[in-house]
Amino acid sequence: MKVIALEEHFTTRAMLEANADHPLLTMLRSAGAPEQGAVGGEMMLRLTDLGEHRLAVMDSAGIDVQVLSQATPGPEELPAAKAVHLAAHANDVIAEAIAAHPSRFAGFAALPMRDPVAAAKELDRTVQQLGFVGTMINSHVGGRYLDEPFFWPLFEAAEALDVPIYLHPNRPPQPVVDSCYSGFSPIVTETLATTAWGWHIDTGLHALRLIIGGVFDRFPGLQIIIGHLGEGLTSMLWRADSTLNRVAGLPKPVRDYFSEHFSITISGFLDDVAFAAAIDTVGTDRVMFSVDYPFLGSAETRAYLDQLPLSQSDKEKIAHANAERLLKLS
């Protein structure tokens, strides 16, 4: 069975240096990683490698294609002028990897979101000239969420190019971290604010903001991908739908927007309850495979796919067919 993985991260040395003081990088340097016992330094090597080691991990796990994307922290954290240069450089590095291994890699563009017009131009360049299949945006931009019309030039470009936006978590804004997640050791605070809870909840909120902010009424062809089996939103959608529909004044129910404009990947979540909620919410035509490499084990995630209690045709959809359709991959 062919397997395409959609949330597979990398970074450049230049992006690491530009974001050197970011709390997430500090956490990575001090923490271990689940795949083959990697530690902070080796994790950085895995993130920057787009060659033989990454391919060997894919081969060992039975993963045919990775869609490469810039890890967080990325260009969203940087001043616009610097981000324009570093995003283009990261995208060129991805393009080189695709050119070297065209059957194994595809690309999501990194974008300088503090300058949405420049971001739209870079998305156009990467799709039209480099053959990328969309973009991954690491959620809010300095505490500003993408439902603001300021960011809508990017949505206009994505809709015109007919490519999806993968909305990936970012660390919540610092005032939220201080208010909701502080009071513990630095590593516990950072983990609680990000991978354990905070950035998933923040991304689910972001998805709701896009709906009630009118983004899909203005851009009806826009498609969004979210990972981690729905970022908690699939379990809460009934509640959000039943309450927001009374007050938001939208042309359609919240649930309809979600089922028509969002797809979900399993990245980083090997949980049967969360998987069932995702399938119940959007169906097997809108759920796709991901590992969240190198932060989760490739072999472990591939084995999880194999044991899912689904028909072979539904497994094929999740493993590759849905991604091939949405990303126009052959």
Protein backbone atom coordinates (compact mmCIF):
# COMPACT_ATOMS: atom_id res chain seq x y z
CA MET A 1 0.00 0.00 0.00
CA LYS A 2 1.40 3.37 -1.02
CA VAL A 3 1.86 5.78 1.89
CA ILE A 4 2.15 9.57 1.70
CA ALA A 5 3.03 11.50 4.86
CA LEU A 6 1.92 15.13 4.95
CA GLU A 7 3.43 16.76 8.06
CA GLU A 8 7.11 15.97 7.79
CA HIS A 9 9.34 18.73 9.06
CA PHE A 10 12.72 20.13 8.25
CA THR A 11 14.55 23.38 8.86
CA THR A 12 17.62 25.17 7.59
CA ARG A 13 20.65 26.16 9.62
CA ALA A 14 19.89 29.78 8.75
CA MET A 15 16.34 29.47 10.13
CA LEU A 16 17.65 27.86 13.31
CA GLU A 17 20.16 30.66 13.79
CA ALA A 18 17.55 33.36 13.17
CA ASN A 19 15.23 31.80 15.77
CA ALA A 20 17.99 30.70 18.16
CA ASP A 21 16.35 32.20 21.27
CA HIS A 22 12.90 30.77 20.62
CA PRO A 23 11.60 28.77 23.62
CA LEU A 24 10.73 25.76 21.48
CA LEU A 25 14.31 25.39 20.32
CA THR A 26 15.50 25.66 23.89
CA MET A 27 13.11 22.83 24.80
CA LEU A 28 14.29 20.69 21.88
CA ARG A 29 17.91 21.12 22.87
CA SER A 30 17.20 19.84 26.35
CA ALA A 31 14.65 17.11 25.60
CA GLY A 32 14.84 13.66 24.09
CA ALA A 33 12.88 12.49 21.07
CA PRO A 34 10.99 9.24 20.57
CA GLU A 35 12.44 8.02 17.29
CA GLN A 36 15.47 5.80 17.85
CA GLY A 37 16.46 7.59 21.04
CA ALA A 38 17.37 10.89 19.38
CA VAL A 39 18.49 13.70 21.68
CA GLY A 40 18.61 17.45 21.15
CA GLY A 41 21.68 17.62 18.90
CA GLU A 42 20.63 14.64 16.83
CA MET A 43 17.13 16.08 16.52
CA MET A 44 18.62 19.16 14.87
CA LEU A 45 20.53 16.91 12.50
CA ARG A 46 17.35 15.06 11.59
CA LEU A 47 15.54 18.33 10.95
CA THR A 48 18.22 19.66 8.62
CA ASP A 49 18.80 16.39 6.74
CA LEU A 50 16.96 15.92 3.45
CA GLY A 51 19.10 13.08 2.19
CA GLU A 52 20.07 9.52 2.85
CA HIS A 53 19.24 9.29 6.55
CA ARG A 54 15.70 10.60 6.06
CA LEU A 55 15.17 8.30 3.11
CA ALA A 56 16.46 5.33 5.13
CA VAL A 57 13.93 6.06 7.89
CA MET A 58 11.16 6.29 5.30
CA ASP A 59 12.20 3.03 3.67
CA SER A 60 12.41 1.22 6.99
CA ALA A 61 8.93 2.38 7.98
CA GLY A 62 7.31 1.80 4.58
CA ILE A 63 6.64 5.44 3.74
CA ASP A 64 6.84 6.29 0.06
CA VAL A 65 6.52 10.09 0.03
CA GLN A 66 7.09 12.89 2.52
CA VAL A 67 5.58 16.32 1.94
CA LEU A 68 8.33 18.49 3.40
CA SER A 69 7.53 21.56 5.47
CA GLN A 70 9.35 24.14 7.55
CA ALA A 71 9.25 23.31 11.25
CA THR A 72 8.20 25.83 13.85
CA PRO A 73 9.75 28.23 14.69
CA GLY A 74 9.82 29.42 11.12
CA PRO A 75 9.54 32.68 9.20
CA GLU A 76 6.34 33.64 11.02
CA GLU A 77 8.50 34.57 14.03
CA LEU A 78 10.83 36.92 12.14
CA PRO A 79 10.72 40.53 10.92
CA ALA A 80 9.27 40.72 7.43
CA ALA A 81 12.46 41.68 5.60
CA LYS A 82 14.45 38.83 7.11
CA ALA A 83 11.57 36.38 6.75
CA VAL A 84 11.23 37.03 3.01
CA HIS A 85 14.83 35.99 2.43
CA LEU A 86 14.86 33.02 4.81
CA ALA A 87 11.52 31.62 3.60
CA ALA A 88 12.70 31.74 -0.01
CA HIS A 89 15.95 30.04 0.98
CA ALA A 90 14.10 27.28 2.86
CA ASN A 91 11.84 26.73 -0.14
CA ASP A 92 14.80 26.52 -2.48
CA VAL A 93 16.36 23.87 -0.21
CA ILE A 94 13.13 21.85 -0.39
CA ALA A 95 13.08 22.26 -4.17
CA GLU A 96 16.63 20.89 -4.38
CA ALA A 97 15.61 17.84 -2.34
CA ILE A 98 12.59 17.24 -4.58
CA ALA A 99 14.76 17.56 -7.69
CA ALA A 100 17.17 14.99 -6.26
CA HIS A 101 14.40 12.57 -5.23
CA PRO A 102 11.28 13.48 -7.23
CA SER A 103 9.42 10.28 -6.38
CA ARG A 104 10.04 10.59 -2.62
CA PHE A 105 9.49 14.25 -1.72
CA ALA A 106 6.94 17.01 -2.32
CA GLY A 107 6.85 20.47 -0.75
CA PHE A 108 4.76 22.85 1.32
CA ALA A 109 6.03 26.42 1.07
CA ALA A 110 7.34 28.42 4.02
CA LEU A 111 6.01 31.98 3.83
CA PRO A 112 6.91 35.39 5.32
CA MET A 113 3.51 35.94 6.87
CA ARG A 114 4.34 39.30 8.44
CA ASP A 115 4.18 40.60 4.85
CA PRO A 116 1.10 38.89 3.35
CA VAL A 117 1.63 40.37 -0.11
CA ALA A 118 5.18 38.98 -0.18
CA ALA A 119 3.81 35.70 1.18
CA ALA A 120 1.30 35.50 -1.67
CA LYS A 121 4.08 36.15 -4.20
CA GLU A 122 6.27 33.46 -2.66
CA LEU A 123 3.40 30.97 -2.71
CA ASP A 124 2.87 31.74 -6.38
CA ARG A 125 6.60 31.26 -7.08
CA THR A 126 6.82 27.96 -5.26
CA VAL A 127 3.70 26.50 -6.84
CA GLN A 128 4.15 27.81 -10.37
CA GLN A 129 7.93 27.49 -10.69
CA LEU A 130 8.94 24.85 -8.13
CA GLY A 131 5.90 22.58 -8.27
CA PHE A 132 4.98 22.82 -4.58
CA VAL A 133 1.60 21.46 -3.50
CA GLY A 134 0.56 24.12 -0.98
CA THR A 135 1.87 25.86 2.09
CA MET A 136 2.22 25.20 5.79
CA ILE A 137 1.68 28.18 8.10
CA ASN A 138 2.61 27.87 11.74
CA SER A 139 -0.65 29.30 13.05
CA HIS A 140 -0.80 32.84 14.47
CA VAL A 141 1.70 35.49 13.45
CA GLY A 142 2.98 37.35 16.48
CA GLY A 143 -0.40 36.89 18.15
CA ARG A 144 -2.39 37.92 15.07
CA TYR A 145 -4.71 35.28 13.62
CA LEU A 146 -5.33 34.74 9.94
CA ASP A 147 -9.00 35.70 10.03
CA GLU A 148 -7.77 39.33 9.99
CA PRO A 149 -8.30 40.77 6.47
CA PHE A 150 -4.65 41.88 6.65
CA PHE A 151 -3.68 38.27 5.84
CA TRP A 152 -6.27 37.66 3.13
CA PRO A 153 -3.93 38.26 0.15
CA LEU A 154 -2.55 34.81 0.96
CA PHE A 155 -6.02 33.23 0.88
CA GLU A 156 -6.70 34.89 -2.44
CA ALA A 157 -3.47 33.43 -3.83
CA ALA A 158 -4.10 29.93 -2.44
CA GLU A 159 -7.62 29.87 -3.85
CA ALA A 160 -6.43 31.09 -7.26
CA LEU A 161 -3.64 28.50 -7.33
CA ASP A 162 -6.02 25.80 -6.03
CA VAL A 163 -3.64 24.63 -3.31
CA PRO A 164 -4.41 23.96 0.36
CA ILE A 165 -3.02 25.68 3.44
CA TYR A 166 -1.81 23.40 6.21
CA LEU A 167 -2.45 25.24 9.48
CA HIS A 168 0.15 23.93 11.89
CA PRO A 169 0.34 24.76 15.61
CA ASN A 170 2.50 27.51 16.99
CA ARG A 171 3.35 28.35 20.58
CA PRO A 172 0.47 30.40 22.03
CA PRO A 173 1.08 34.14 22.36
CA GLN A 174 3.33 34.95 25.31
CA PRO A 175 0.57 36.62 27.40
CA VAL A 176 -1.42 33.38 27.10
CA VAL A 177 1.59 31.31 28.15
CA ASP A 178 2.16 33.60 31.12
CA SER A 179 -1.49 33.54 32.13
CA CYS A 180 -2.40 29.90 31.56
CA TYR A 181 0.72 27.76 31.55
CA SER A 182 3.27 29.29 33.92
CA GLY A 183 4.04 28.29 37.50
CA PHE A 184 5.93 25.09 36.76
CA SER A 185 9.48 24.24 35.80
CA PRO A 186 10.51 25.74 32.43
CA ILE A 187 10.35 22.40 30.64
CA VAL A 188 6.91 21.56 32.07
CA THR A 189 5.54 25.02 31.28
CA GLU A 190 6.85 24.87 27.73
CA THR A 191 5.55 21.35 27.13
CA LEU A 192 2.12 22.16 28.59
CA ALA A 193 1.91 25.31 26.49
CA THR A 194 2.86 23.49 23.30
CA THR A 195 2.89 19.78 22.52
CA ALA A 196 0.92 18.52 25.52
CA TRP A 197 -2.00 20.91 25.23
CA GLY A 198 -1.67 24.60 24.43
CA TRP A 199 -0.79 24.74 20.78
CA HIS A 200 -3.40 22.16 19.83
CA ILE A 201 -6.14 24.13 21.56
CA ASP A 202 -4.82 27.34 20.01
CA THR A 203 -4.96 25.80 16.52
CA GLY A 204 -8.50 24.53 17.06
CA LEU A 205 -9.46 28.06 18.10
CA HIS A 206 -7.72 29.39 14.99
CA ALA A 207 -9.80 27.11 12.78
CA LEU A 208 -12.99 28.39 14.39
CA ARG A 209 -11.82 31.97 13.93
CA LEU A 210 -11.40 31.36 10.20
CA ILE A 211 -14.99 30.09 10.02
CA ILE A 212 -16.71 32.79 12.06
CA GLY A 213 -14.44 35.48 10.61
CA GLY A 214 -15.98 34.90 7.18
CA VAL A 215 -12.88 33.58 5.44
CA PHE A 216 -14.73 30.79 3.61
CA ASP A 217 -17.59 33.06 2.56
CA ARG A 218 -15.03 35.35 0.93
CA PHE A 219 -12.90 32.46 -0.45
CA PRO A 220 -15.30 29.56 -1.09
CA GLY A 221 -12.66 27.47 -2.86
CA LEU A 222 -10.16 27.60 0.00
CA GLN A 223 -9.07 24.31 1.61
CA ILE A 224 -7.37 24.02 5.01
CA ILE A 225 -5.55 21.04 6.52
CA ILE A 226 -5.08 20.64 10.26
CA GLY A 227 -3.11 17.90 11.95
CA HIS A 228 -3.08 15.99 15.22
CA LEU A 229 -6.46 14.41 14.48
CA GLY A 230 -8.28 17.72 14.47
CA GLU A 231 -6.46 19.71 17.17
CA GLY A 232 -9.17 18.87 19.71
CA LEU A 233 -11.85 20.52 17.58
CA THR A 234 -13.47 17.33 16.33
CA SER A 235 -14.44 16.39 19.88
CA MET A 236 -15.81 19.90 20.52
CA LEU A 237 -17.44 20.62 17.18
CA TRP A 238 -20.96 19.67 18.26
CA ARG A 239 -20.76 22.18 21.08
CA ALA A 240 -19.21 24.93 18.95
CA ASP A 241 -21.78 24.35 16.21
CA SER A 242 -24.77 24.34 18.54
CA THR A 243 -23.78 27.59 20.26
CA LEU A 244 -22.05 29.68 17.58
CA ASN A 245 -24.83 29.13 15.04
CA ARG A 246 -27.14 31.20 17.24
CA VAL A 247 -24.91 34.24 17.42
CA ALA A 248 -22.37 34.30 14.55
CA GLY A 249 -24.79 35.23 11.77
CA LEU A 250 -23.15 32.90 9.27
CA PRO A 251 -24.88 31.75 6.06
CA LYS A 252 -24.26 28.10 6.96
CA PRO A 253 -23.79 26.09 10.14
CA VAL A 254 -20.27 25.95 11.59
CA ARG A 255 -20.21 22.17 11.09
CA ASP A 256 -20.86 22.59 7.36
CA TYR A 257 -17.94 24.96 6.95
CA PHE A 258 -15.70 22.51 8.75
CA SER A 259 -16.79 19.48 6.75
CA GLU A 260 -16.48 21.35 3.43
CA HIS A 261 -13.21 23.25 3.96
CA PHE A 262 -11.08 21.22 6.39
CA SER A 263 -9.12 18.01 6.07
CA ILE A 264 -7.38 16.29 8.98
CA THR A 265 -4.15 14.35 9.35
CA ILE A 266 -3.22 11.87 12.06
CA SER A 267 0.16 13.54 12.73
CA GLY A 268 1.46 12.91 16.21
CA PHE A 269 -1.75 11.28 17.49
CA LEU A 270 -1.94 7.51 17.70
CA ASP A 271 -5.21 7.49 19.61
CA ASP A 272 -8.28 5.48 18.69
CA VAL A 273 -10.76 7.83 20.38
CA ALA A 274 -9.39 10.91 18.59
CA PHE A 275 -9.28 8.97 15.32
CA ALA A 276 -12.93 7.93 15.69
CA ALA A 277 -13.93 11.55 16.35
CA ALA A 278 -12.09 12.70 13.22
CA ILE A 279 -13.75 10.07 11.04
CA ASP A 280 -17.15 10.84 12.53
CA THR A 281 -16.66 14.56 11.86
CA VAL A 282 -15.28 14.67 8.30
CA GLY A 283 -15.43 11.08 7.01
CA THR A 284 -12.74 8.93 5.49
CA ASP A 285 -12.45 11.19 2.42
CA ARG A 286 -10.91 13.99 4.50
CA VAL A 287 -8.48 12.16 6.80
CA MET A 288 -4.86 11.66 5.73
CA PHE A 289 -1.71 10.01 7.01
CA SER A 290 1.14 11.93 8.64
CA VAL A 291 3.98 11.08 10.99
CA ASP A 292 5.09 14.47 12.35
CA TYR A 293 8.68 13.49 11.54
CA PRO A 294 11.10 13.67 13.28
CA PHE A 295 9.06 14.29 16.42
CA LEU A 296 7.20 10.97 16.33
CA GLY A 297 8.40 7.56 15.23
CA SER A 298 7.85 6.75 11.56
CA ALA A 299 7.65 2.99 12.07
CA GLU A 300 5.29 3.39 15.03
CA THR A 301 2.94 5.64 13.07
CA ARG A 302 2.99 3.39 10.01
CA ALA A 303 2.12 0.42 12.22
CA TYR A 304 -0.78 2.40 13.67
CA LEU A 305 -2.15 2.93 10.17
CA ASP A 306 -1.96 -0.79 9.44
CA GLN A 307 -3.96 -1.78 12.54
CA LEU A 308 -6.82 0.68 12.10
CA PRO A 309 -10.19 -1.13 12.00
CA LEU A 310 -11.05 0.06 8.49
CA SER A 311 -11.76 -1.54 5.15
CA GLN A 312 -8.84 -1.78 2.76
CA SER A 313 -10.39 0.87 0.52
CA ASP A 314 -10.67 3.32 3.45
CA LYS A 315 -7.08 2.61 4.47
CA GLU A 316 -6.01 3.37 0.90
CA LYS A 317 -7.82 6.70 1.09
CA ILE A 318 -6.06 7.68 4.29
CA ALA A 319 -2.69 6.28 3.23
CA HIS A 320 -2.46 8.02 -0.13
CA ALA A 321 -5.61 8.56 -2.20
CA ASN A 322 -6.97 11.56 -0.31
CA ALA A 323 -3.58 13.28 -0.40
CA GLU A 324 -3.19 12.54 -4.10
CA ARG A 325 -6.55 14.15 -4.80
CA LEU A 326 -6.14 17.22 -2.57
CA LEU A 327 -2.49 17.89 -3.43
CA LYS A 328 -2.73 16.72 -7.05
CA LEU A 329 0.01 14.15 -6.55
CA SER A 330 0.32 11.20 -8.89
